C-alpha atoms as a PDB file:
ATOM      1  CA  MET A   1      13.920   4.014 -13.810  1.00  0.00           C
ATOM      2  CA  LYS A   2      10.603   2.284 -13.401  1.00  0.00           C
ATOM      3  CA  LEU A   3       8.186   4.503 -11.537  1.00  0.00           C
ATOM      4  CA  HIS A   4       5.335   3.497  -9.289  1.00  0.00           C
ATOM      5  CA  ARG A   5       2.095   5.405  -9.043  1.00  0.00           C
ATOM      6  CA  ARG A   6       0.653   6.456  -5.731  1.00  0.00           C
ATOM      7  CA  LEU A   7      -1.614   3.948  -4.054  1.00  0.00           C
ATOM      8  CA  ALA A   8      -4.506   4.952  -1.824  1.00  0.00           C
ATOM      9  CA  MET A   9      -3.847   3.229   1.486  1.00  0.00           C
ATOM     10  CA  LEU A  10      -6.641   2.131   3.776  1.00  0.00           C
ATOM     11  CA  PRO A  11      -6.304   2.680   7.497  1.00  0.00           C
ATOM     12  CA  LEU A  12      -4.984  -0.494   9.119  1.00  0.00           C
ATOM     13  CA  THR A  13      -8.265  -1.385  10.810  1.00  0.00           C
ATOM     14  CA  LEU A  14     -10.296  -1.080   7.619  1.00  0.00           C
ATOM     15  CA  ALA A  15      -7.682  -2.911   5.580  1.00  0.00           C
ATOM     16  CA  VAL A  16      -7.884  -5.888   7.911  1.00  0.00           C
ATOM     17  CA  LEU A  17     -11.650  -5.828   8.134  1.00  0.00           C
ATOM     18  CA  SER A  18     -12.099  -5.787   4.384  1.00  0.00           C
ATOM     19  CA  LEU A  19     -10.391  -9.154   4.294  1.00  0.00           C
ATOM     20  CA  VAL A  20     -13.057 -10.691   6.492  1.00  0.00           C
ATOM     21  CA  GLY A  21     -15.997  -9.168   4.678  1.00  0.00           C
ATOM     22  CA  LEU A  22     -17.234  -6.796   7.349  1.00  0.00           C
ATOM     23  CA  THR A  23     -17.076  -3.571   5.418  1.00  0.00           C
ATOM     24  CA  ALA A  24     -19.606  -2.673   2.786  1.00  0.00           C
ATOM     25  CA  CYS A  25     -18.790  -1.201  -0.598  1.00  0.00           C
ATOM     26  CA  SER A  26     -19.179   2.540  -0.909  1.00  0.00           C
ATOM     27  CA  SER A  27     -22.483   3.573  -2.390  1.00  0.00           C
ATOM     28  CA  ASP A  28     -23.449   6.925  -3.819  1.00  0.00           C
ATOM     29  CA  ARG A  29     -26.920   8.226  -3.215  1.00  0.00           C
ATOM     30  CA  SER A  30     -28.286  10.715  -5.689  1.00  0.00           C
ATOM     31  CA  ASP A  31     -30.675  12.285  -3.189  1.00  0.00           C
ATOM     32  CA  SER A  32     -29.512  14.814  -0.634  1.00  0.00           C
ATOM     33  CA  GLY A  33     -30.310  12.303   2.077  1.00  0.00           C
ATOM     34  CA  ALA A  34     -30.631  15.059   4.639  1.00  0.00           C
ATOM     35  CA  SER A  35     -32.700  13.960   7.571  1.00  0.00           C
ATOM     36  CA  GLU A  36     -34.479  16.373   9.820  1.00  0.00           C
ATOM     37  CA  ASP A  37     -33.381  14.460  12.905  1.00  0.00           C
ATOM     38  CA  ALA A  38     -30.336  16.649  13.436  1.00  0.00           C
ATOM     39  CA  SER A  39     -31.312  20.307  13.362  1.00  0.00           C
ATOM     40  CA  VAL A  40     -28.810  22.842  12.111  1.00  0.00           C
ATOM     41  CA  ASP A  41     -28.661  26.636  12.052  1.00  0.00           C
ATOM     42  CA  VAL A  42     -27.076  27.176   8.649  1.00  0.00           C
ATOM     43  CA  SER A  43     -26.607  30.929   9.129  1.00  0.00           C
ATOM     44  CA  SER A  44     -24.579  30.461  12.299  1.00  0.00           C
ATOM     45  CA  LYS A  45     -22.560  27.688  10.696  1.00  0.00           C
ATOM     46  CA  LEU A  46     -21.652  29.928   7.770  1.00  0.00           C
ATOM     47  CA  ALA A  47     -20.817  32.781  10.139  1.00  0.00           C
ATOM     48  CA  GLY A  48     -18.483  30.513  12.109  1.00  0.00           C
ATOM     49  CA  MET A  49     -16.695  29.113   9.067  1.00  0.00           C
ATOM     50  CA  ASN A  50     -13.189  30.421   8.451  1.00  0.00           C
ATOM     51  CA  ARG A  51     -13.094  31.267   4.768  1.00  0.00           C
ATOM     52  CA  LYS A  52      -9.305  31.348   4.731  1.00  0.00           C
ATOM     53  CA  ALA A  53      -6.867  28.438   4.648  1.00  0.00           C
ATOM     54  CA  GLU A  54      -5.164  27.679   7.962  1.00  0.00           C
ATOM     55  CA  VAL A  55      -1.685  26.327   7.206  1.00  0.00           C
ATOM     56  CA  ASP A  56       0.314  24.836  10.083  1.00  0.00           C
ATOM     57  CA  PRO A  57       3.803  23.583   9.125  1.00  0.00           C
ATOM     58  CA  GLU A  58       4.416  22.332  12.674  1.00  0.00           C
ATOM     59  CA  THR A  59       1.757  19.636  12.285  1.00  0.00           C
ATOM     60  CA  ALA A  60       1.855  19.526   8.460  1.00  0.00           C
ATOM     61  CA  THR A  61      -1.870  20.258   8.409  1.00  0.00           C
ATOM     62  CA  VAL A  62      -4.003  22.547   6.276  1.00  0.00           C
ATOM     63  CA  LYS A  63      -7.558  23.342   7.337  1.00  0.00           C
ATOM     64  CA  LEU A  64      -9.831  24.455   4.511  1.00  0.00           C
ATOM     65  CA  PRO A  65     -13.440  25.662   4.405  1.00  0.00           C
ATOM     66  CA  VAL A  66     -14.519  22.225   3.157  1.00  0.00           C
ATOM     67  CA  ASP A  67     -13.456  20.752   6.497  1.00  0.00           C
ATOM     68  CA  TYR A  68     -16.509  22.357   8.088  1.00  0.00           C
ATOM     69  CA  VAL A  69     -18.851  20.222   5.982  1.00  0.00           C
ATOM     70  CA  LYS A  70     -16.899  17.142   4.965  1.00  0.00           C
ATOM     71  CA  LEU A  71     -17.688  13.678   6.277  1.00  0.00           C
ATOM     72  CA  GLY A  72     -15.332  10.833   7.159  1.00  0.00           C
ATOM     73  CA  GLU A  73     -12.802  12.264   9.605  1.00  0.00           C
ATOM     74  CA  GLN A  74     -10.468   9.515  10.803  1.00  0.00           C
ATOM     75  CA  GLU A  75     -11.631   9.457  14.432  1.00  0.00           C
ATOM     76  CA  ASP A  76     -15.285   9.698  13.429  1.00  0.00           C
ATOM     77  CA  SER A  77     -14.983   6.823  10.985  1.00  0.00           C
ATOM     78  CA  SER A  78     -13.227   4.710  13.590  1.00  0.00           C
ATOM     79  CA  ILE A  79     -15.925   5.426  16.191  1.00  0.00           C
ATOM     80  CA  LEU A  80     -18.685   4.583  13.733  1.00  0.00           C
ATOM     81  CA  TYR A  81     -16.982   1.354  12.706  1.00  0.00           C
ATOM     82  CA  SER A  82     -16.420   0.365  16.323  1.00  0.00           C
ATOM     83  CA  ALA A  83     -20.078   1.005  17.201  1.00  0.00           C
ATOM     84  CA  ARG A  84     -21.165  -0.954  14.144  1.00  0.00           C
ATOM     85  CA  ASP A  85     -18.911  -3.825  15.148  1.00  0.00           C
ATOM     86  CA  ALA A  86     -20.317  -3.692  18.670  1.00  0.00           C
ATOM     87  CA  ALA A  87     -23.847  -3.901  17.281  1.00  0.00           C
ATOM     88  CA  VAL A  88     -22.733  -6.924  15.251  1.00  0.00           C
ATOM     89  CA  ALA A  89     -21.285  -8.451  18.420  1.00  0.00           C
ATOM     90  CA  GLU A  90     -24.536  -7.884  20.299  1.00  0.00           C
ATOM     91  CA  CYS A  91     -26.487  -9.556  17.499  1.00  0.00           C
ATOM     92  CA  ALA A  92     -24.020 -12.451  17.227  1.00  0.00           C
ATOM     93  CA  ARG A  93     -24.063 -13.164  20.942  1.00  0.00           C
ATOM     94  CA  GLU A  94     -27.792 -12.798  21.547  1.00  0.00           C
ATOM     95  CA  GLU A  95     -29.165 -14.370  18.378  1.00  0.00           C
ATOM     96  CA  LEU A  96     -26.482 -16.863  17.383  1.00  0.00           C
ATOM     97  CA  GLY A  97     -24.590 -17.623  20.566  1.00  0.00           C
ATOM     98  CA  ILE A  98     -21.340 -16.712  18.798  1.00  0.00           C
ATOM     99  CA  PRO A  99     -18.852 -14.843  21.033  1.00  0.00           C
ATOM    100  CA  TRP A 100     -18.052 -11.989  18.667  1.00  0.00           C
ATOM    101  CA  VAL A 101     -15.725  -9.329  20.095  1.00  0.00           C
ATOM    102  CA  ALA A 102     -15.935  -5.755  18.867  1.00  0.00           C
ATOM    103  CA  THR A 103     -12.859  -3.695  17.991  1.00  0.00           C
ATOM    104  CA  GLU A 104     -12.079  -0.607  20.052  1.00  0.00           C
ATOM    105  CA  PRO A 105     -11.958   2.728  18.201  1.00  0.00           C
ATOM    106  CA  ASP A 106      -8.581   4.022  17.106  1.00  0.00           C
ATOM    107  CA  GLY A 107      -7.364   7.145  18.848  1.00  0.00           C
ATOM    108  CA  TYR A 108      -6.371  10.395  17.201  1.00  0.00           C
ATOM    109  CA  MET A 109      -3.731   9.757  14.540  1.00  0.00           C
ATOM    110  CA  PRO A 110      -1.783  12.911  13.581  1.00  0.00           C
ATOM    111  CA  THR A 111      -0.613  11.351  10.328  1.00  0.00           C
ATOM    112  CA  ALA A 112      -4.210  11.006   9.150  1.00  0.00           C
ATOM    113  CA  HIS A 113      -4.527  14.805   9.161  1.00  0.00           C
ATOM    114  CA  MET A 114      -1.318  15.701   7.337  1.00  0.00           C
ATOM    115  CA  TRP A 115      -1.901  17.494   4.033  1.00  0.00           C
ATOM    116  CA  GLN A 116      -0.312  15.566   1.182  1.00  0.00           C
ATOM    117  CA  ARG A 117      -2.371  16.734  -1.782  1.00  0.00           C
ATOM    118  CA  TYR A 118       0.711  18.004  -3.607  1.00  0.00           C
ATOM    119  CA  GLY A 119       3.301  15.834  -1.929  1.00  0.00           C
ATOM    120  CA  PRO A 120       5.507  16.430   1.125  1.00  0.00           C
ATOM    121  CA  TRP A 121       5.948  20.068   2.089  1.00  0.00           C
ATOM    122  CA  THR A 122       7.657  19.941   5.491  1.00  0.00           C
ATOM    123  CA  LYS A 123      11.093  18.561   6.276  1.00  0.00           C
ATOM    124  CA  PRO A 124      10.006  16.129   9.058  1.00  0.00           C
ATOM    125  CA  VAL A 125       7.376  14.521   6.815  1.00  0.00           C
ATOM    126  CA  ALA A 126       9.839  14.194   3.916  1.00  0.00           C
ATOM    127  CA  GLU A 127      12.478  12.692   6.217  1.00  0.00           C
ATOM    128  CA  LYS A 128      10.121  10.021   7.555  1.00  0.00           C
ATOM    129  CA  PHE A 129       7.913   9.173   4.598  1.00  0.00           C
ATOM    130  CA  GLY A 130       9.651  10.301   1.421  1.00  0.00           C
ATOM    131  CA  PHE A 131       6.801  10.463  -1.098  1.00  0.00           C
ATOM    132  CA  VAL A 132       4.639   7.860   0.680  1.00  0.00           C
ATOM    133  CA  ASP A 133       1.409   9.195   2.159  1.00  0.00           C
ATOM    134  CA  PRO A 134       1.836   9.729   5.919  1.00  0.00           C
ATOM    135  CA  MET A 135       0.492   6.900   8.074  1.00  0.00           C
ATOM    136  CA  GLY A 136       0.996   5.412  11.511  1.00  0.00           C
ATOM    137  CA  ASP A 137       4.040   3.346  12.408  1.00  0.00           C
ATOM    138  CA  GLY A 138       1.984   0.151  12.497  1.00  0.00           C
ATOM    139  CA  ALA A 139       0.598   0.817   9.034  1.00  0.00           C
ATOM    140  CA  LEU A 140       4.107   1.462   7.714  1.00  0.00           C
ATOM    141  CA  ILE A 141       5.112  -2.005   8.920  1.00  0.00           C
ATOM    142  CA  VAL A 142       1.977  -3.824   7.758  1.00  0.00           C
ATOM    143  CA  ASN A 143       2.185  -2.232   4.306  1.00  0.00           C
ATOM    144  CA  GLY A 144       5.847  -3.186   3.949  1.00  0.00           C
ATOM    145  CA  TYR A 145       7.341   0.309   3.870  1.00  0.00           C
ATOM    146  CA  VAL A 146       9.634  -0.344   6.834  1.00  0.00           C
ATOM    147  CA  GLU A 147      10.997  -3.499   8.402  1.00  0.00           C
ATOM    148  CA  GLU A 148       9.508  -4.959  11.544  1.00  0.00           C
ATOM    149  CA  PRO A 149      11.498  -3.921  14.621  1.00  0.00           C
ATOM    150  CA  ASP A 150      12.841  -6.587  16.966  1.00  0.00           C
ATOM    151  CA  GLY A 151      10.109  -7.992  19.160  1.00  0.00           C
ATOM    152  CA  TYR A 152       7.295  -6.619  16.979  1.00  0.00           C
ATOM    153  CA  GLU A 153       4.058  -8.586  17.099  1.00  0.00           C
ATOM    154  CA  LEU A 154       0.976  -7.841  15.045  1.00  0.00           C
ATOM    155  CA  ILE A 155      -2.073  -7.540  17.276  1.00  0.00           C
ATOM    156  CA  PRO A 156      -4.386 -10.355  16.147  1.00  0.00           C
ATOM    157  CA  TRP A 157      -7.953  -9.697  15.089  1.00  0.00           C
ATOM    158  CA  PRO A 158     -10.064 -10.602  18.173  1.00  0.00           C
ATOM    159  CA  ASN A 159     -12.310 -12.954  16.173  1.00  0.00           C
ATOM    160  CA  GLU A 160      -9.452 -14.835  14.511  1.00  0.00           C
ATOM    161  CA  GLY A 161     -10.359 -18.060  16.318  1.00  0.00           C
ATOM    162  CA  ILE A 162     -14.009 -18.098  15.303  1.00  0.00           C
ATOM    163  CA  PRO A 163     -14.628 -20.760  12.614  1.00  0.00           C
ATOM    164  CA  GLU A 164     -15.293 -19.467   9.123  1.00  0.00           C
ATOM    165  CA  ALA A 165     -18.765 -21.006   9.096  1.00  0.00           C
ATOM    166  CA  ASP A 166     -19.680 -19.055  12.226  1.00  0.00           C
ATOM    167  CA  ARG A 167     -18.228 -15.870  10.792  1.00  0.00           C
ATOM    168  CA  ASN A 168     -20.418 -16.287   7.730  1.00  0.00           C
ATOM    169  CA  LYS A 169     -23.441 -16.750   9.977  1.00  0.00           C
ATOM    170  CA  VAL A 170     -22.603 -13.482  11.701  1.00  0.00           C
ATOM    171  CA  PHE A 171     -22.204 -11.631   8.403  1.00  0.00           C
ATOM    172  CA  ASP A 172     -25.396 -13.073   6.928  1.00  0.00           C
ATOM    173  CA  THR A 173     -27.524 -12.561  10.021  1.00  0.00           C
ATOM    174  CA  CYS A 174     -26.292  -9.332  11.523  1.00  0.00           C
ATOM    175  CA  ASN A 175     -24.861  -7.011   8.873  1.00  0.00           C
ATOM    176  CA  SER A 176     -28.197  -5.938   7.419  1.00  0.00           C
ATOM    177  CA  LYS A 177     -29.988  -5.320  10.693  1.00  0.00           C
ATOM    178  CA  PRO A 178     -31.151  -1.709  11.238  1.00  0.00           C
ATOM    179  CA  GLU A 179     -29.406  -1.518  14.606  1.00  0.00           C
ATOM    180  CA  VAL A 180     -26.140  -2.326  12.810  1.00  0.00           C
ATOM    181  CA  LYS A 181     -26.678  -0.218   9.691  1.00  0.00           C
ATOM    182  CA  ARG A 182     -27.401   2.915  11.747  1.00  0.00           C
ATOM    183  CA  PHE A 183     -23.650   3.069  12.395  1.00  0.00           C
ATOM    184  CA  ASP A 184     -22.612   2.060   8.863  1.00  0.00           C
ATOM    185  CA  GLU A 185     -20.575   4.885   7.383  1.00  0.00           C
ATOM    186  CA  ASN A 186     -21.734   3.967   3.899  1.00  0.00           C
ATOM    187  CA  GLU A 187     -25.329   4.598   4.957  1.00  0.00           C
ATOM    188  CA  LEU A 188     -24.379   8.084   6.150  1.00  0.00           C
ATOM    189  CA  TRP A 189     -22.429   9.126   3.063  1.00  0.00           C
ATOM    190  CA  VAL A 190     -24.442  11.419   0.856  1.00  0.00           C
ATOM    191  CA  VAL A 191     -23.572  12.574  -2.654  1.00  0.00           C
ATOM    192  CA  GLY A 192     -26.137  15.258  -3.383  1.00  0.00           C
ATOM    193  CA  PRO A 193     -25.613  18.242  -5.688  1.00  0.00           C
ATOM    194  CA  GLY A 194     -23.496  20.080  -3.136  1.00  0.00           C
ATOM    195  CA  GLN A 195     -21.150  17.201  -2.446  1.00  0.00           C
ATOM    196  CA  GLN A 196     -20.843  16.520  -6.152  1.00  0.00           C
ATOM    197  CA  ALA A 197     -19.941  20.161  -6.723  1.00  0.00           C
ATOM    198  CA  LEU A 198     -17.218  19.898  -4.080  1.00  0.00           C
ATOM    199  CA  ASN A 199     -15.961  16.682  -5.665  1.00  0.00           C
ATOM    200  CA  ASP A 200     -15.783  18.433  -9.042  1.00  0.00           C
ATOM    201  CA  GLU A 201     -14.016  21.407  -7.486  1.00  0.00           C
ATOM    202  CA  GLU A 202     -11.276  19.168  -6.110  1.00  0.00           C
ATOM    203  CA  ASP A 203     -10.240  18.411  -9.688  1.00  0.00           C
ATOM    204  CA  ALA A 204     -11.052  21.817 -11.151  1.00  0.00           C
ATOM    205  CA  VAL A 205      -8.803  23.808  -8.817  1.00  0.00           C
ATOM    206  CA  ASN A 206      -5.686  22.514 -10.563  1.00  0.00           C
ATOM    207  CA  GLN A 207      -6.857  24.137 -13.792  1.00  0.00           C
ATOM    208  CA  ASP A 208      -7.183  27.565 -12.180  1.00  0.00           C
ATOM    209  CA  PRO A 209      -4.741  29.932 -13.984  1.00  0.00           C
ATOM    210  CA  ARG A 210      -3.246  30.898 -10.618  1.00  0.00           C
ATOM    211  CA  MET A 211      -2.541  27.253  -9.802  1.00  0.00           C
ATOM    212  CA  GLN A 212      -1.115  26.692 -13.253  1.00  0.00           C
ATOM    213  CA  ALA A 213       1.236  29.622 -12.715  1.00  0.00           C
ATOM    214  CA  LEU A 214       2.219  28.234  -9.313  1.00  0.00           C
ATOM    215  CA  PHE A 215       2.914  24.835 -10.837  1.00  0.00           C
ATOM    216  CA  ALA A 216       5.091  26.552 -13.434  1.00  0.00           C
ATOM    217  CA  GLU A 217       7.219  28.123 -10.697  1.00  0.00           C
ATOM    218  CA  LEU A 218       7.565  24.775  -8.980  1.00  0.00           C
ATOM    219  CA  ARG A 219       8.357  23.053 -12.286  1.00  0.00           C
ATOM    220  CA  THR A 220      11.184  25.516 -12.892  1.00  0.00           C
ATOM    221  CA  CYS A 221      12.687  24.963  -9.441  1.00  0.00           C
ATOM    222  CA  TYR A 222      12.472  21.200  -9.873  1.00  0.00           C
ATOM    223  CA  ALA A 223      14.230  21.384 -13.240  1.00  0.00           C
ATOM    224  CA  GLU A 224      16.997  23.549 -11.786  1.00  0.00           C
ATOM    225  CA  ASN A 225      17.593  20.806  -9.233  1.00  0.00           C
ATOM    226  CA  GLY A 226      17.586  17.947 -11.741  1.00  0.00           C
ATOM    227  CA  MET A 227      14.032  16.763 -10.963  1.00  0.00           C
ATOM    228  CA  GLU A 228      11.058  16.274 -13.282  1.00  0.00           C
ATOM    229  CA  PHE A 229       7.623  17.667 -12.392  1.00  0.00           C
ATOM    230  CA  ASP A 230       4.979  14.919 -12.468  1.00  0.00           C
ATOM    231  CA  GLU A 231       2.248  16.175 -14.795  1.00  0.00           C
ATOM    232  CA  GLU A 232      -0.152  13.472 -13.609  1.00  0.00           C
ATOM    233  CA  LEU A 233       0.412  14.268  -9.927  1.00  0.00           C
ATOM    234  CA  PRO A 234       1.012  18.028  -9.797  1.00  0.00           C
ATOM    235  CA  GLY A 235       3.292  19.017  -6.951  1.00  0.00           C
ATOM    236  CA  TYR A 236       5.141  15.693  -7.027  1.00  0.00           C
ATOM    237  CA  ILE A 237       8.164  14.749  -9.072  1.00  0.00           C
ATOM    238  CA  THR A 238       8.500  11.536 -11.033  1.00  0.00           C
ATOM    239  CA  ALA A 239       9.742   9.319  -8.236  1.00  0.00           C
ATOM    240  CA  TYR A 240       8.912   6.167  -6.329  1.00  0.00           C
ATOM    241  CA  THR A 241       5.806   6.863  -4.287  1.00  0.00           C
ATOM    242  CA  ASP A 242       5.595   3.443  -2.664  1.00  0.00           C
ATOM    243  CA  THR A 243       9.169   3.242  -1.373  1.00  0.00           C
ATOM    244  CA  ILE A 244      10.900   4.816   1.608  1.00  0.00           C
ATOM    245  CA  ASP A 245      14.665   4.766   1.230  1.00  0.00           C
ATOM    246  CA  GLU A 246      17.607   7.161   1.376  1.00  0.00           C
ATOM    247  CA  GLU A 247      17.300   8.204  -2.267  1.00  0.00           C
ATOM    248  CA  GLN A 248      13.566   8.949  -2.079  1.00  0.00           C
ATOM    249  CA  ILE A 249      13.974  10.886   1.157  1.00  0.00           C
ATOM    250  CA  GLU A 250      16.743  12.986  -0.390  1.00  0.00           C
ATOM    251  CA  LEU A 251      14.530  13.771  -3.388  1.00  0.00           C
ATOM    252  CA  ALA A 252      11.554  14.543  -1.148  1.00  0.00           C
ATOM    253  CA  LEU A 253      13.649  17.004   0.853  1.00  0.00           C
ATOM    254  CA  LYS A 254      14.654  18.745  -2.380  1.00  0.00           C
ATOM    255  CA  THR A 255      11.004  19.159  -3.346  1.00  0.00           C
ATOM    256  CA  VAL A 256      10.300  20.655   0.087  1.00  0.00           C
ATOM    257  CA  GLU A 257      13.083  23.191  -0.493  1.00  0.00           C
ATOM    258  CA  CYS A 258      11.472  24.174  -3.800  1.00  0.00           C
ATOM    259  CA  LYS A 259       8.054  24.513  -2.192  1.00  0.00           C
ATOM    260  CA  ASP A 260       9.530  26.705   0.524  1.00  0.00           C
ATOM    261  CA  GLN A 261      11.308  28.788  -2.110  1.00  0.00           C
ATOM    262  CA  VAL A 262       8.066  29.684  -3.924  1.00  0.00           C
ATOM    263  CA  ASN A 263       5.808  29.588  -0.815  1.00  0.00           C
ATOM    264  CA  PHE A 264       3.861  26.896  -2.625  1.00  0.00           C
ATOM    265  CA  THR A 265       1.702  25.385   0.112  1.00  0.00           C
ATOM    266  CA  GLN A 266       0.296  28.641   1.494  1.00  0.00           C
ATOM    267  CA  ARG A 267      -0.472  29.955  -1.981  1.00  0.00           C
ATOM    268  CA  ALA A 268      -2.042  26.684  -3.147  1.00  0.00           C
ATOM    269  CA  ALA A 269      -4.128  26.464   0.025  1.00  0.00           C
ATOM    270  CA  ASP A 270      -5.288  30.070  -0.345  1.00  0.00           C
ATOM    271  CA  ILE A 271      -6.466  29.456  -3.916  1.00  0.00           C
ATOM    272  CA  THR A 272      -8.198  26.226  -2.887  1.00  0.00           C
ATOM    273  CA  ALA A 273      -9.984  27.886   0.024  1.00  0.00           C
ATOM    274  CA  GLU A 274     -11.114  30.850  -2.058  1.00  0.00           C
ATOM    275  CA  ARG A 275     -12.687  28.535  -4.646  1.00  0.00           C
ATOM    276  CA  GLN A 276     -14.409  26.323  -2.057  1.00  0.00           C
ATOM    277  CA  VAL A 277     -16.284  29.115  -0.290  1.00  0.00           C
ATOM    278  CA  PRO A 278     -18.849  29.965  -3.016  1.00  0.00           C
ATOM    279  CA  VAL A 279     -19.623  26.265  -3.509  1.00  0.00           C
ATOM    280  CA  ILE A 280     -20.272  25.792   0.198  1.00  0.00           C
ATOM    281  CA  GLU A 281     -22.381  28.958   0.339  1.00  0.00           C
ATOM    282  CA  GLU A 282     -24.484  27.873  -2.639  1.00  0.00           C
ATOM    283  CA  TYR A 283     -25.222  24.447  -1.183  1.00  0.00           C
ATOM    284  CA  ALA A 284     -25.032  25.379   2.506  1.00  0.00           C
ATOM    285  CA  ASP A 285     -28.409  23.898   3.479  1.00  0.00           C
ATOM    286  CA  GLU A 286     -27.524  20.488   2.085  1.00  0.00           C
ATOM    287  CA  LEU A 287     -23.904  20.371   3.197  1.00  0.00           C
ATOM    288  CA  PHE A 288     -24.350  21.572   6.777  1.00  0.00           C
ATOM    289  CA  GLN A 289     -27.436  19.406   7.255  1.00  0.00           C
ATOM    290  CA  ASN A 290     -25.566  16.314   6.125  1.00  0.00           C
ATOM    291  CA  ARG A 291     -22.666  17.181   8.431  1.00  0.00           C
ATOM    292  CA  ALA A 292     -25.112  17.651  11.319  1.00  0.00           C
ATOM    293  CA  ASN A 293     -26.616  14.229  10.608  1.00  0.00           C
ATOM    294  CA  TRP A 294     -23.125  12.745  10.529  1.00  0.00           C
ATOM    295  CA  ASP A 295     -22.165  14.391  13.822  1.00  0.00           C
ATOM    296  CA  ALA A 296     -25.375  13.149  15.434  1.00  0.00           C
ATOM    297  CA  ALA A 297     -24.605   9.590  14.335  1.00  0.00           C
ATOM    298  CA  VAL A 298     -21.085   9.846  15.757  1.00  0.00           C
ATOM    299  CA  THR A 299     -22.483  11.092  19.071  1.00  0.00           C
ATOM    300  CA  GLU A 300     -24.938   8.197  19.162  1.00  0.00           C
ATOM    301  CA  ALA A 301     -22.101   5.796  18.359  1.00  0.00           C
ATOM    302  CA  LYS A 302     -20.000   7.129  21.242  1.00  0.00           C
ATOM    303  CA  GLU A 303     -22.929   6.685  23.630  1.00  0.00           C
ATOM    304  CA  TYR A 304     -23.549   3.151  22.412  1.00  0.00           C
ATOM    305  CA  ILE A 305     -19.886   2.200  22.829  1.00  0.00           C
ATOM    306  CA  ALA A 306     -19.763   3.689  26.325  1.00  0.00           C
ATOM    307  CA  SER A 307     -22.888   1.821  27.405  1.00  0.00           C
ATOM    308  CA  HIS A 308     -21.758  -1.583  26.081  1.00  0.00           C
ATOM    309  CA  PRO A 309     -18.202  -2.196  27.348  1.00  0.00           C
ATOM    310  CA  GLU A 310     -18.917  -5.934  27.572  1.00  0.00           C
ATOM    311  CA  LEU A 311     -19.081  -6.186  23.779  1.00  0.00           C
ATOM    312  CA  PHE A 312     -15.366  -5.371  23.585  1.00  0.00           C
ATOM    313  CA  GLU A 313     -14.402  -8.149  25.974  1.00  0.00           C
ATOM    314  CA  SER A 314     -13.888 -11.833  25.223  1.00  0.00           C
ATOM    315  CA  VAL A 315     -16.546 -14.266  26.426  1.00  0.00           C
ATOM    316  CA  ARG A 316     -16.495 -18.000  26.947  1.00  0.00           C
ATOM    317  CA  ARG A 317     -18.644 -20.128  24.663  1.00  0.00           C
END
């Protein structure tokens, strides 16, 4: 059987926007990038951080210590993009006379928070997604995982009717302006020593002897049920990870049974959390400062969106 590797799926909004050239490429910055604009009491932040993993099967979520310092939460990213797009719209309208319309932020999406690091681990997720990463119903349709229901219509991009030449003018004139870049997520991403250490830890945890022993238990259960442990994607089996059908759902449910049998998710999350804590403590000044800067930018973005509702409405040329 030909097997497909997992593909990292972009949120629907970003996937569409990348086609029209609005998003910038990710850029790593070697400096800590921490600004003093957003003050942070590191001691209180550390005191308020839960050092244990919080596993919730009802929502298929796992909260880890890293969540207190990480950047890029789904709602935050959507708010920042929307504010950036609104700033582009303001520039386009005032400087170019082009009726650009900004995109509203996406709301909270439960699927964006589901933990899928080692594959499906709850029955509802396995039944709906198989081995595909959880995503919203619209994204499932757009990405071809499920068929369009009767009467389904894709919401058009609000600037679809703007001529390509005018779009290019908007990109060339507005994208690099400071009032636009202040909401650019890529400008806020920081890869200093602390973030790099967390990035390295994400790979290193799988080599922990306790994780290796846990994988061995899971491997045994998979073999007993006629499934092969995927050595390249620990926690998964060798299966189609870009297909949702009856066979893949059945296999996914079997892997969930094995994970329940060995209490895999709680144990894996506990090991992960325990290893993250010393990294966060060592680089606390950098990591909490960068998160504070991020949070301040998101707050500013919300205020900008709220004060410019006209930028999200169509205008006549």
